[in-house]
Protein backbone atom coordinates (compact mmCIF):
# COMPACT_ATOMS: atom_id res chain seq x y z
CA MET A 1 3.88 13.04 1.24
CA HIS A 2 4.12 11.62 -2.06
CA ARG A 3 8.22 11.01 -2.74
CA ALA A 4 9.38 13.65 -0.44
CA HIS A 5 11.12 11.29 1.83
CA PHE A 6 13.14 8.50 0.39
CA ASN A 7 11.39 9.27 -2.86
CA VAL A 8 8.75 6.56 -1.61
CA ALA A 9 5.18 7.16 -3.22
CA SER A 10 2.69 7.84 -1.60
CA HIS A 11 0.63 4.66 0.06
CA PHE A 12 -1.20 3.19 3.11
CA GLY A 13 -1.47 -0.36 3.93
CA ILE A 14 -1.97 -2.62 6.54
CA ARG A 15 0.30 -5.04 8.85
CA THR A 16 -0.71 -7.95 10.63
CA PRO A 17 1.89 -10.29 12.78
CA LYS A 18 2.48 -12.35 9.73
CA HIS A 19 1.84 -9.98 6.79
CA LYS A 20 2.38 -6.71 5.47
CA LEU A 21 0.27 -5.37 2.37
CA ILE A 22 1.04 -1.82 1.20
CA TYR A 23 -0.82 0.31 -1.91
CA TYR A 24 1.25 2.73 -3.73
CA TYR A 25 -1.15 4.86 -5.39
CA GLY A 26 1.23 7.38 -6.18
CA LEU A 27 -0.66 10.54 -5.87
CA PRO A 28 0.80 13.87 -4.26
CA LEU A 29 -2.92 14.86 -3.86
CA GLU A 30 -1.64 18.78 -2.98
CA ALA A 31 0.67 17.71 -0.15
CA LYS A 32 3.17 20.28 1.13
CA GLY A 33 6.46 19.05 0.26
CA ALA A 34 5.14 16.17 -2.02
CA GLN A 35 6.51 15.73 -5.41
CA PRO A 36 4.08 16.96 -8.15
CA GLU A 37 4.56 14.09 -10.69
CA PRO A 38 2.56 10.85 -10.23
CA THR A 39 3.48 7.64 -10.09
CA PRO A 40 1.77 4.12 -11.39
CA PRO A 41 -0.07 2.27 -8.92
CA GLU A 42 1.37 -0.45 -7.25
CA TRP A 43 0.90 -3.32 -4.69
CA GLU A 44 3.44 -5.09 -2.35
CA LEU A 45 2.74 -8.15 0.19
CA PHE A 46 5.23 -9.38 2.32
CA ASP A 47 5.76 -12.70 4.47
CA LEU A 48 6.82 -11.06 7.79
CA GLY A 49 7.47 -14.64 9.30
CA LYS A 50 9.64 -15.90 6.06
CA ASP A 51 11.09 -12.59 5.12
CA PRO A 52 11.20 -10.33 7.83
CA ALA A 53 13.71 -7.85 5.76
CA GLU A 54 10.89 -7.54 3.46
CA MET A 55 12.77 -8.19 0.60
CA ASN A 56 10.73 -10.60 -1.73
CA ASN A 57 7.43 -8.93 -2.99
CA VAL A 58 4.68 -12.17 -2.96
CA TYR A 59 1.82 -10.08 -4.10
CA ALA A 60 1.85 -11.96 -7.42
CA ASP A 61 2.56 -15.58 -5.86
CA PRO A 62 -0.47 -17.70 -6.69
CA ALA A 63 0.36 -18.90 -3.07
CA TYR A 64 -0.80 -15.66 -1.40
CA THR A 65 -4.20 -15.40 -3.09
CA GLU A 66 -6.27 -15.76 -0.36
CA THR A 67 -3.91 -13.58 2.25
CA ARG A 68 -3.95 -11.17 -0.22
CA ARG A 69 -7.71 -11.36 -0.63
CA LYS A 70 -8.34 -10.99 3.07
CA LEU A 71 -5.52 -7.97 3.82
CA SER A 72 -7.56 -6.12 0.70
CA GLU A 73 -10.49 -6.72 2.62
CA GLN A 74 -9.68 -5.82 5.88
CA LEU A 75 -7.60 -2.65 4.67
CA PHE A 76 -10.59 -1.39 2.65
CA GLU A 77 -12.62 -2.08 5.58
CA LEU A 78 -10.52 0.43 7.66
CA GLN A 79 -10.64 3.03 4.96
CA LYS A 80 -14.48 3.27 5.41
CA GLN A 81 -14.42 2.77 9.16
CA TYR A 82 -11.71 5.88 9.18
CA GLU A 83 -13.67 7.80 6.45
CA ASP A 84 -10.64 7.62 3.98
CA THR A 85 -11.48 8.58 0.65
CA ASP A 86 -9.93 6.32 -2.32
CA PRO A 87 -7.02 8.54 -3.52
CA LEU A 88 -7.97 7.70 -7.35
CA SER A 89 -11.11 9.60 -6.96
CA LYS A 90 -9.15 12.76 -6.81
CA LEU A 91 -7.82 12.03 -10.35
C-alpha cells in the first residue's frame, strides 16, 4: 500500500532480535489505495539494542557493513523461499 498509510513508501524488510533492515522500493504496483507516484529506493538499518526507538539509521555506517551484508542475504533468501518477485522488475 505505497504511501496509503502514514505516507510510508512500499517496502519489505527483516527483523532479528538485534537489528531491523528495511528496503523501501517505493512502487505502487497497482495496489488498490496505493498512491500512484513512485518514490526513490531507500534502505534503513536500525540497531535495536542501542536504538530501540529506531531514530538512527546506521545503514551507511561502516561499523555495520557485516551486519548489513548478513541481513541482506537473509532477506533475499526469504524472497526466494516465498517466491516474492523483485518489485523493481515490474518497472
